[in-house]
C-alpha atoms as a PDB file:
ATOM      1  CA  MET A   1      -0.056  17.613  -0.129  1.00  0.00           C
ATOM      2  CA  CYS A   2      -0.527  13.859   0.790  1.00  0.00           C
ATOM      3  CA  LEU A   3       1.444  11.133  -0.825  1.00  0.00           C
ATOM      4  CA  ALA A   4      -0.374   7.767  -1.500  1.00  0.00           C
ATOM      5  CA  VAL A   5       1.779   4.747  -1.534  1.00  0.00           C
ATOM      6  CA  PRO A   6       1.340   1.133  -2.659  1.00  0.00           C
ATOM      7  CA  ALA A   7       0.886  -1.437  -0.016  1.00  0.00           C
ATOM      8  CA  ARG A   8       0.366  -5.369   0.137  1.00  0.00           C
ATOM      9  CA  VAL A   9      -2.874  -6.507   2.211  1.00  0.00           C
ATOM     10  CA  LEU A  10      -1.582  -9.085   4.698  1.00  0.00           C
ATOM     11  CA  SER A  11      -5.011  -9.897   6.495  1.00  0.00           C
ATOM     12  CA  THR A  12      -8.395  -8.210   7.035  1.00  0.00           C
ATOM     13  CA  ASP A  13     -10.799  -7.936   9.813  1.00  0.00           C
ATOM     14  CA  GLY A  14     -14.026  -6.429   8.652  1.00  0.00           C
ATOM     15  CA  ALA A  15     -13.352  -2.848   7.351  1.00  0.00           C
ATOM     16  CA  ARG A  16      -9.708  -2.929   8.667  1.00  0.00           C
ATOM     17  CA  ALA A  17      -6.684  -4.389   6.795  1.00  0.00           C
ATOM     18  CA  ARG A  18      -3.340  -5.101   8.141  1.00  0.00           C
ATOM     19  CA  ILE A  19      -0.937  -4.025   5.213  1.00  0.00           C
ATOM     20  CA  GLU A  20       2.767  -3.999   4.456  1.00  0.00           C
ATOM     21  CA  ILE A  21       4.286  -0.810   3.389  1.00  0.00           C
ATOM     22  CA  GLN A  22       8.010  -0.696   2.543  1.00  0.00           C
ATOM     23  CA  GLY A  23       8.794  -3.615   4.850  1.00  0.00           C
ATOM     24  CA  ARG A  24       6.628  -2.192   7.579  1.00  0.00           C
ATOM     25  CA  GLU A  25       3.177  -3.408   9.026  1.00  0.00           C
ATOM     26  CA  ALA A  26       0.472  -0.840   9.517  1.00  0.00           C
ATOM     27  CA  GLU A  27      -3.364  -0.898   9.713  1.00  0.00           C
ATOM     28  CA  ALA A  28      -5.642   0.833   7.170  1.00  0.00           C
ATOM     29  CA  ASP A  29      -9.324   1.390   6.702  1.00  0.00           C
ATOM     30  CA  ALA A  30     -10.591  -0.931   3.929  1.00  0.00           C
ATOM     31  CA  SER A  31     -14.091   0.280   4.025  1.00  0.00           C
ATOM     32  CA  LEU A  32     -14.191   1.741   0.437  1.00  0.00           C
ATOM     33  CA  PHE A  33     -12.995  -1.559  -1.378  1.00  0.00           C
ATOM     34  CA  PRO A  34     -13.379  -5.275  -0.814  1.00  0.00           C
ATOM     35  CA  VAL A  35      -9.696  -6.276  -0.225  1.00  0.00           C
ATOM     36  CA  ARG A  36      -8.174  -9.779   0.413  1.00  0.00           C
ATOM     37  CA  PRO A  37      -4.801 -10.985   1.681  1.00  0.00           C
ATOM     38  CA  GLY A  38      -2.293 -10.558  -1.222  1.00  0.00           C
ATOM     39  CA  ASP A  39      -3.925  -7.632  -2.952  1.00  0.00           C
ATOM     40  CA  PHE A  40      -2.094  -4.651  -3.779  1.00  0.00           C
ATOM     41  CA  VAL A  41      -3.514  -1.391  -2.774  1.00  0.00           C
ATOM     42  CA  LEU A  42      -2.880   2.406  -2.850  1.00  0.00           C
ATOM     43  CA  VAL A  43      -3.055   3.832   0.735  1.00  0.00           C
ATOM     44  CA  SER A  44      -3.435   7.610   1.811  1.00  0.00           C
ATOM     45  CA  THR A  45      -3.322   8.683   5.384  1.00  0.00           C
ATOM     46  CA  GLY A  46      -4.456   5.245   6.509  1.00  0.00           C
ATOM     47  CA  LEU A  47      -7.171   4.806   3.971  1.00  0.00           C
ATOM     48  CA  ILE A  48      -7.228   2.342   1.027  1.00  0.00           C
ATOM     49  CA  ILE A  49      -8.121   4.573  -1.949  1.00  0.00           C
ATOM     50  CA  GLN A  50      -7.391   2.220  -4.842  1.00  0.00           C
ATOM     51  CA  LEU A  51      -6.894  -1.564  -5.761  1.00  0.00           C
ATOM     52  CA  LEU A  52      -3.697  -1.841  -7.866  1.00  0.00           C
ATOM     53  CA  ASP A  53      -2.895  -4.381 -10.600  1.00  0.00           C
ATOM     54  CA  PRO A  54       0.113  -6.528  -9.223  1.00  0.00           C
ATOM     55  CA  ALA A  55       2.379  -5.595 -12.036  1.00  0.00           C
ATOM     56  CA  GLU A  56       1.699  -1.838 -11.570  1.00  0.00           C
ATOM     57  CA  ALA A  57       2.168  -2.087  -7.858  1.00  0.00           C
ATOM     58  CA  GLU A  58       5.495  -3.716  -8.289  1.00  0.00           C
ATOM     59  CA  GLU A  59       6.502  -0.976 -10.609  1.00  0.00           C
ATOM     60  CA  GLN A  60       5.544   1.803  -8.258  1.00  0.00           C
ATOM     61  CA  LEU A  61       7.368  -0.127  -5.410  1.00  0.00           C
ATOM     62  CA  ARG A  62      10.611  -0.478  -7.483  1.00  0.00           C
ATOM     63  CA  LEU A  63      10.305   3.287  -8.655  1.00  0.00           C
ATOM     64  CA  LEU A  64       9.997   4.298  -4.868  1.00  0.00           C
ATOM     65  CA  ALA A  65      12.973   1.984  -3.813  1.00  0.00           C
ATOM     66  CA  ALA A  66      15.104   3.770  -6.624  1.00  0.00           C
ATOM     67  CA  LEU A  67      14.173   7.169  -5.319  1.00  0.00           C
ATOM     68  CA  GLU A  68      15.027   6.246  -1.644  1.00  0.00           C
ATOM     69  CA  ASP A  69      18.426   4.957  -2.925  1.00  0.00           C
ATOM     70  CA  THR A  70      19.271   8.311  -4.575  1.00  0.00           C
ATOM     71  CA  ALA A  71      17.906  10.624  -1.864  1.00  0.00           C
ATOM     72  CA  PRO A  72      20.411  12.590   0.167  1.00  0.00           C
ATOM     73  CA  ARG A  73      20.869  11.535   3.666  1.00  0.00           C
END
């Protein structure tokens, strides 16, 4: 099973996007959607699979952070 996570687009270069996921930078394939810096997206295995509403993305990020805080170490 794959997990899709919300990310923020930092920059684009053609069909590639530099994204921020939970404080880390990564690259993702942006060939399915036209994205711009500042957009929130859903990323699965390095592929942007959905554009997100900013409020929805913030809520998902908040919930993920809460889960991480309660996860056993």
